Amino acid sequence: MAARAAGRHGPRGRTVAPIAPLLLALAAGAVVSCGRAAGPATHPAADPPASITIFAAASLHDPLAALAEAYGQSHGVQTVIATDSSSALRFQLEQGAEADLFLSADTRNPEALAAAGLVDGEIVPFAWNGLAIVVPDGNRARIVSPFDLARPGIRVVGAGEQVPISIYAAALVDNLASLPGAPPDFAAGYAANVVSREDNVEAVMTRMELGEGDAAIVYASDAARSSSVVRIEVPAAASVVATYAGVVPTSAVQPAAGRAFLAWLSGPEALAILSTFGFSAAP
C-alpha cells in the first residue's frame, strides 16, 4: 500500500517541493538539496538544516502537518511526511524503506520492528487517543446504541485486520459484549455486519463522511475533526485507549534528527498541539 504524502515543510512550514517526486528520489537513494547558494569564499554558506522523513499513522495526518509547521519554525528542520496504516508502513520499513522516524498508532508495530532488529534506540510512547463509534450525518440507519452495530442489515465499515484501528475496535467490541444487557451474540453480529475492509482509518472516515456505510469504529480524534459524522456514546466501562509510539528505524538517514523530533514530540509544545486534535499525553 502506498503511503500518503502529507507535504514537505520548510523552516516555516511552507511547501517547498511536490512530495511524490521527493519520495521517489529518496527511495532511489538520491540526494535532495534544499540549501542556499554559497556566498563568497571567505564567508561560506551555513550548512542547510537537517531534513527528516517521517512515516506516520494515517490518523496523524492532520496533527502532524501542524506539528511539522511548529517544529520547522522553532528548529529550522525540513520534514517529509508520508502517512498510511501503521501496519503498511511497518511492512515498507521491513522491506528497506528509508525513514528517519516511524510514528505508529500502537506499540505493536514498533515492537515488531524492534524484534526484527530494525530499530535504533528505544520505543517512545508519545500520545493517547480514544475510540468512537460514528454514523453519517442524518443517521439513516437510526443507530442509537453501540449494540445496534450488531443489528441485522447494518453496514459497518472497517479497516484491514492488521490495521491498529481494527485491533482496537475488536477490543472495544469484546468490552461491549461483556457489559450487562449486551445481546448474547453481539460480537458475532458485529463481525457479520462488517461490509468492507479499508486500507486505513482515514479511508474508513472518508466512507462514513460520504454516507457509504451505516457505522464505523474510529479514533476519537478522527470523529472530533469531522462535521459530517455523529458520535454514538460508548459506555465508559467499555472504553479502549490507543497508545501511539515512535521509533527511529535502522534505515534512518538522519537518525539524530529523528530522535530529536521524537523527543520534542513528547514535550509540552507538541502535546499542546496534539491536544487540539483530540489526543492526550501518554503516561
Protein backbone atom coordinates (compact mmCIF):
# COMPACT_ATOMS: atom_id res chain seq x y z
CA MET A 1 0.00 0.00 0.00
CA ALA A 2 1.50 3.32 -0.94
CA ALA A 3 1.93 5.80 1.86
CA ARG A 4 0.03 9.06 1.53
CA ALA A 5 2.28 12.08 1.30
CA ALA A 6 1.21 14.91 3.56
CA GLY A 7 3.62 17.55 2.37
CA ARG A 8 7.14 18.89 2.73
CA HIS A 9 7.55 21.68 5.21
CA GLY A 10 10.49 24.05 5.28
CA PRO A 11 11.66 26.04 8.30
CA ARG A 12 8.38 27.98 8.30
CA GLY A 13 6.21 25.05 7.25
CA ARG A 14 5.66 26.19 3.67
CA THR A 15 5.58 23.68 0.84
CA VAL A 16 8.93 23.70 -0.94
CA ALA A 17 8.57 20.80 -3.40
CA PRO A 18 6.00 18.20 -4.53
CA ILE A 19 6.11 15.14 -2.28
CA ALA A 20 5.68 12.32 -4.80
CA PRO A 21 8.89 13.09 -6.74
CA LEU A 22 10.75 13.58 -3.46
CA LEU A 23 9.68 10.22 -2.10
CA LEU A 24 10.65 8.57 -5.37
CA ALA A 25 14.02 10.26 -5.22
CA LEU A 26 14.51 9.19 -1.62
CA ALA A 27 13.55 5.62 -2.49
CA ALA A 28 16.12 5.65 -5.29
CA GLY A 29 18.81 6.90 -2.93
CA ALA A 30 19.03 10.36 -4.50
CA VAL A 31 20.27 13.33 -2.50
CA VAL A 32 17.82 16.23 -2.30
CA SER A 33 19.42 19.58 -1.52
CA CYS A 34 17.44 22.49 -0.18
CA GLY A 35 20.36 24.68 0.88
CA ARG A 36 21.05 28.24 -0.22
CA ALA A 37 23.59 29.15 -2.84
CA ALA A 38 27.12 29.53 -1.47
CA GLY A 39 28.34 33.04 -0.70
CA PRO A 40 31.84 34.43 -1.19
CA ALA A 41 34.69 32.05 -0.50
CA THR A 42 35.63 33.94 2.66
CA HIS A 43 32.09 33.60 4.02
CA PRO A 44 30.80 30.11 3.12
CA ALA A 45 27.09 29.50 3.47
CA ALA A 46 25.92 27.71 6.59
CA ASP A 47 25.07 24.05 6.29
CA PRO A 48 21.42 23.54 5.28
CA PRO A 49 19.07 22.42 8.08
CA ALA A 50 18.58 18.72 8.57
CA SER A 51 15.73 17.16 6.60
CA ILE A 52 13.84 14.27 8.15
CA THR A 53 11.46 11.77 6.61
CA ILE A 54 8.61 10.66 8.86
CA PHE A 55 6.38 7.63 8.31
CA ALA A 56 3.22 8.16 10.36
CA ALA A 57 -0.12 6.53 11.09
CA ALA A 58 -2.97 7.83 8.92
CA SER A 59 -4.75 9.21 11.99
CA LEU A 60 -1.76 11.55 12.50
CA HIS A 61 -2.06 13.12 9.03
CA ASP A 62 -3.64 16.42 10.11
CA PRO A 63 -1.95 16.86 13.51
CA LEU A 64 1.45 16.01 12.09
CA ALA A 65 1.15 18.76 9.50
CA ALA A 66 0.63 21.24 12.35
CA LEU A 67 3.45 19.67 14.35
CA ALA A 68 5.84 19.91 11.40
CA GLU A 69 4.92 23.57 10.98
CA ALA A 70 5.73 24.34 14.61
CA TYR A 71 8.90 22.26 14.62
CA GLY A 72 10.12 23.87 11.42
CA GLN A 73 9.65 27.33 12.88
CA SER A 74 11.47 26.57 16.13
CA HIS A 75 14.19 24.19 14.89
CA GLY A 76 14.66 25.01 11.20
CA VAL A 77 14.20 21.39 10.17
CA GLN A 78 12.53 20.39 6.94
CA THR A 79 10.08 17.49 7.06
CA VAL A 80 8.84 14.93 4.55
CA ILE A 81 5.70 13.19 5.84
CA ALA A 82 4.13 10.02 4.47
CA THR A 83 1.02 8.52 6.09
CA ASP A 84 -0.76 5.18 5.83
CA SER A 85 -1.83 2.44 8.21
CA SER A 86 0.88 1.66 10.74
CA SER A 87 0.99 -1.96 9.59
CA ALA A 88 1.53 -0.93 5.95
CA LEU A 89 4.32 1.45 6.93
CA ARG A 90 5.97 -1.19 9.09
CA PHE A 91 5.96 -3.55 6.09
CA GLN A 92 7.63 -0.88 3.98
CA LEU A 93 10.32 -0.43 6.62
CA GLU A 94 10.83 -4.18 6.78
CA GLN A 95 11.40 -4.09 3.03
CA GLY A 96 14.13 -1.48 3.39
CA ALA A 97 12.26 1.83 3.01
CA GLU A 98 14.20 4.76 4.44
CA ALA A 99 12.59 6.85 7.18
CA ASP A 100 14.14 8.85 10.00
CA LEU A 101 11.15 8.33 12.26
CA PHE A 102 8.18 5.97 12.44
CA LEU A 103 5.12 7.16 14.37
CA SER A 104 2.69 4.31 14.89
CA ALA A 105 -0.89 4.27 16.19
CA ASP A 106 0.13 1.45 18.51
CA THR A 107 3.11 -0.12 20.25
CA ARG A 108 2.67 -3.45 18.46
CA ASN A 109 4.18 -2.39 15.13
CA PRO A 110 7.24 -0.67 16.65
CA GLU A 111 7.76 -3.74 18.84
CA ALA A 112 7.68 -5.96 15.73
CA LEU A 113 10.37 -3.80 14.12
CA ALA A 114 12.44 -3.95 17.30
CA ALA A 115 12.14 -7.74 17.42
CA ALA A 116 13.47 -7.85 13.85
CA GLY A 117 16.45 -5.68 14.79
CA LEU A 118 15.19 -2.74 12.72
CA VAL A 119 15.00 -0.11 15.48
CA ASP A 120 17.77 2.27 16.50
CA GLY A 121 17.09 3.10 20.15
CA GLU A 122 14.03 2.89 22.34
CA ILE A 123 10.30 2.77 21.62
CA VAL A 124 8.82 6.03 22.91
CA PRO A 125 5.06 6.32 23.65
CA PHE A 126 4.09 9.93 22.98
CA ALA A 127 0.28 10.21 22.93
CA TRP A 128 -3.02 8.59 23.79
CA ASN A 129 -6.19 8.50 21.72
CA GLY A 130 -9.66 7.15 22.38
CA LEU A 131 -12.15 5.30 20.21
CA ALA A 132 -15.50 6.47 18.93
CA ILE A 133 -18.46 4.94 17.15
CA VAL A 134 -19.61 7.22 14.34
CA VAL A 135 -22.54 7.27 11.93
CA PRO A 136 -23.04 9.52 8.89
CA ASP A 137 -24.80 12.81 9.47
CA GLY A 138 -28.51 12.05 9.23
CA ASN A 139 -28.12 8.58 10.73
CA ARG A 140 -30.43 6.88 8.25
CA ALA A 141 -29.95 3.52 9.95
CA ARG A 142 -31.22 5.04 13.22
CA ILE A 143 -28.38 3.75 15.33
CA VAL A 144 -28.75 4.99 18.91
CA SER A 145 -26.71 2.44 20.87
CA PRO A 146 -23.39 0.61 20.35
CA PHE A 147 -25.40 -2.61 20.44
CA ASP A 148 -27.18 -1.52 17.24
CA LEU A 149 -23.95 -2.31 15.37
CA ALA A 150 -24.93 -5.99 15.58
CA ARG A 151 -28.45 -5.41 14.30
CA PRO A 152 -29.16 -7.36 11.09
CA GLY A 153 -28.71 -5.26 7.96
CA ILE A 154 -26.41 -2.64 9.50
CA ARG A 155 -23.42 -1.89 7.24
CA VAL A 156 -20.27 -1.47 9.33
CA VAL A 157 -17.19 -0.05 7.61
CA GLY A 158 -13.92 -1.42 8.97
CA ALA A 159 -10.22 -1.48 8.17
CA GLY A 160 -7.85 -4.34 7.39
CA GLU A 161 -7.48 -6.88 10.16
CA GLN A 162 -3.84 -5.93 10.87
CA VAL A 163 -4.51 -2.19 10.91
CA PRO A 164 -4.31 -0.86 14.50
CA ILE A 165 -7.82 0.63 14.46
CA SER A 166 -9.22 -2.84 13.72
CA ILE A 167 -7.35 -4.37 16.65
CA TYR A 168 -8.56 -1.61 18.96
CA ALA A 169 -12.09 -1.97 17.56
CA ALA A 170 -12.04 -5.70 18.32
CA ALA A 171 -11.11 -4.89 21.92
CA LEU A 172 -13.96 -2.39 22.13
CA VAL A 173 -16.43 -4.95 20.73
CA ASP A 174 -15.24 -7.51 23.30
CA ASN A 175 -15.68 -4.94 26.08
CA LEU A 176 -19.17 -4.07 24.89
CA ALA A 177 -20.09 -7.76 24.68
CA SER A 178 -19.14 -8.21 28.33
CA LEU A 179 -21.40 -5.41 29.59
CA PRO A 180 -24.64 -6.26 31.39
CA GLY A 181 -27.52 -6.18 28.96
CA ALA A 182 -25.40 -6.85 25.89
CA PRO A 183 -27.01 -9.16 23.31
CA PRO A 184 -25.56 -12.67 23.72
CA ASP A 185 -24.46 -12.75 20.09
CA PHE A 186 -23.23 -9.14 19.89
CA ALA A 187 -19.63 -9.86 18.80
CA ALA A 188 -20.73 -12.33 16.12
CA GLY A 189 -23.44 -9.99 14.88
CA TYR A 190 -20.98 -7.11 14.64
CA ALA A 191 -18.49 -9.22 12.69
CA ALA A 192 -21.18 -10.34 10.27
CA ASN A 193 -22.09 -6.70 9.59
CA VAL A 194 -18.61 -5.57 8.52
CA VAL A 195 -19.10 -4.93 4.79
CA SER A 196 -15.67 -3.53 3.84
CA ARG A 197 -12.05 -3.53 4.95
CA GLU A 198 -10.33 -0.25 4.09
CA ASP A 199 -6.59 0.40 3.90
CA ASN A 200 -6.51 2.70 6.93
CA VAL A 201 -8.70 4.66 9.31
CA GLU A 202 -8.62 7.75 7.11
CA ALA A 203 -10.27 5.74 4.33
CA VAL A 204 -12.86 4.48 6.83
CA MET A 205 -13.66 8.07 7.81
CA THR A 206 -13.97 9.12 4.17
CA ARG A 207 -16.55 6.41 3.52
CA MET A 208 -18.51 7.46 6.59
CA GLU A 209 -18.44 11.11 5.60
CA LEU A 210 -19.76 10.15 2.17
CA GLY A 211 -22.53 8.05 3.73
CA GLU A 212 -21.17 4.83 2.25
CA GLY A 213 -21.97 2.80 5.35
CA ASP A 214 -24.08 2.95 8.48
CA ALA A 215 -21.45 2.95 11.22
CA ALA A 216 -17.76 2.59 11.99
CA ILE A 217 -15.37 2.47 14.91
CA VAL A 218 -12.67 5.11 14.52
CA TYR A 219 -10.32 7.14 16.69
CA ALA A 220 -11.88 9.84 18.85
CA SER A 221 -9.58 12.39 17.21
CA ASP A 222 -10.99 11.49 13.78
CA ALA A 223 -14.55 11.81 15.00
CA ALA A 224 -13.82 15.18 16.61
CA ARG A 225 -12.44 16.75 13.42
CA SER A 226 -15.41 15.88 11.20
CA SER A 227 -18.71 17.73 10.94
CA SER A 228 -20.10 15.03 8.62
CA VAL A 229 -20.46 12.30 11.25
CA VAL A 230 -22.30 11.91 14.54
CA ARG A 231 -20.86 10.09 17.54
CA ILE A 232 -22.74 7.33 19.34
CA GLU A 233 -21.96 7.32 23.04
CA VAL A 234 -19.79 4.45 24.25
CA PRO A 235 -20.14 3.42 27.93
CA ALA A 236 -17.06 4.36 29.93
CA ALA A 237 -16.78 0.77 31.17
CA ALA A 238 -16.11 -0.37 27.60
CA SER A 239 -13.64 2.35 26.60
CA VAL A 240 -10.34 1.49 24.94
CA VAL A 241 -7.19 3.62 24.94
CA ALA A 242 -4.92 3.70 21.88
CA THR A 243 -1.25 4.30 22.66
CA TYR A 244 0.83 5.98 19.94
CA ALA A 245 4.55 5.26 19.91
CA GLY A 246 7.54 6.34 17.86
CA VAL A 247 10.86 4.73 16.92
CA VAL A 248 13.88 5.59 14.83
CA PRO A 249 14.34 2.84 12.21
CA THR A 250 17.78 1.48 11.39
CA SER A 251 17.16 2.70 7.81
CA ALA A 252 17.22 6.33 9.02
CA VAL A 253 19.45 8.66 7.02
CA GLN A 254 19.22 11.32 9.76
CA PRO A 255 18.83 9.23 12.95
CA ALA A 256 19.92 12.01 15.30
CA ALA A 257 17.39 14.39 13.74
CA GLY A 258 14.72 11.71 14.02
CA ARG A 259 15.47 11.21 17.71
CA ALA A 260 15.39 14.96 18.29
CA PHE A 261 11.93 15.25 16.72
CA LEU A 262 10.68 12.30 18.78
CA ALA A 263 11.98 13.86 21.99
CA TRP A 264 10.26 17.14 21.09
CA LEU A 265 7.07 15.23 20.29
CA SER A 266 6.86 14.14 23.93
CA GLY A 267 7.31 17.68 25.22
CA PRO A 268 4.82 20.39 26.20
CA GLU A 269 4.80 22.32 22.90
CA ALA A 270 3.95 19.24 20.81
CA LEU A 271 1.44 17.95 23.35
CA ALA A 272 -0.37 21.28 23.33
CA ILE A 273 -0.77 20.94 19.55
CA LEU A 274 -1.82 17.29 19.77
CA SER A 275 -4.44 18.15 22.39
CA THR A 276 -6.18 20.47 19.92
CA PHE A 277 -6.70 17.41 17.70
CA GLY A 278 -8.15 15.25 20.49
CA PHE A 279 -5.00 13.49 21.69
CA SER A 280 -3.68 13.39 25.25
CA ALA A 281 -0.26 12.78 26.77
CA ALA A 282 0.92 9.21 27.18
CA PRO A 283 1.91 8.36 30.77
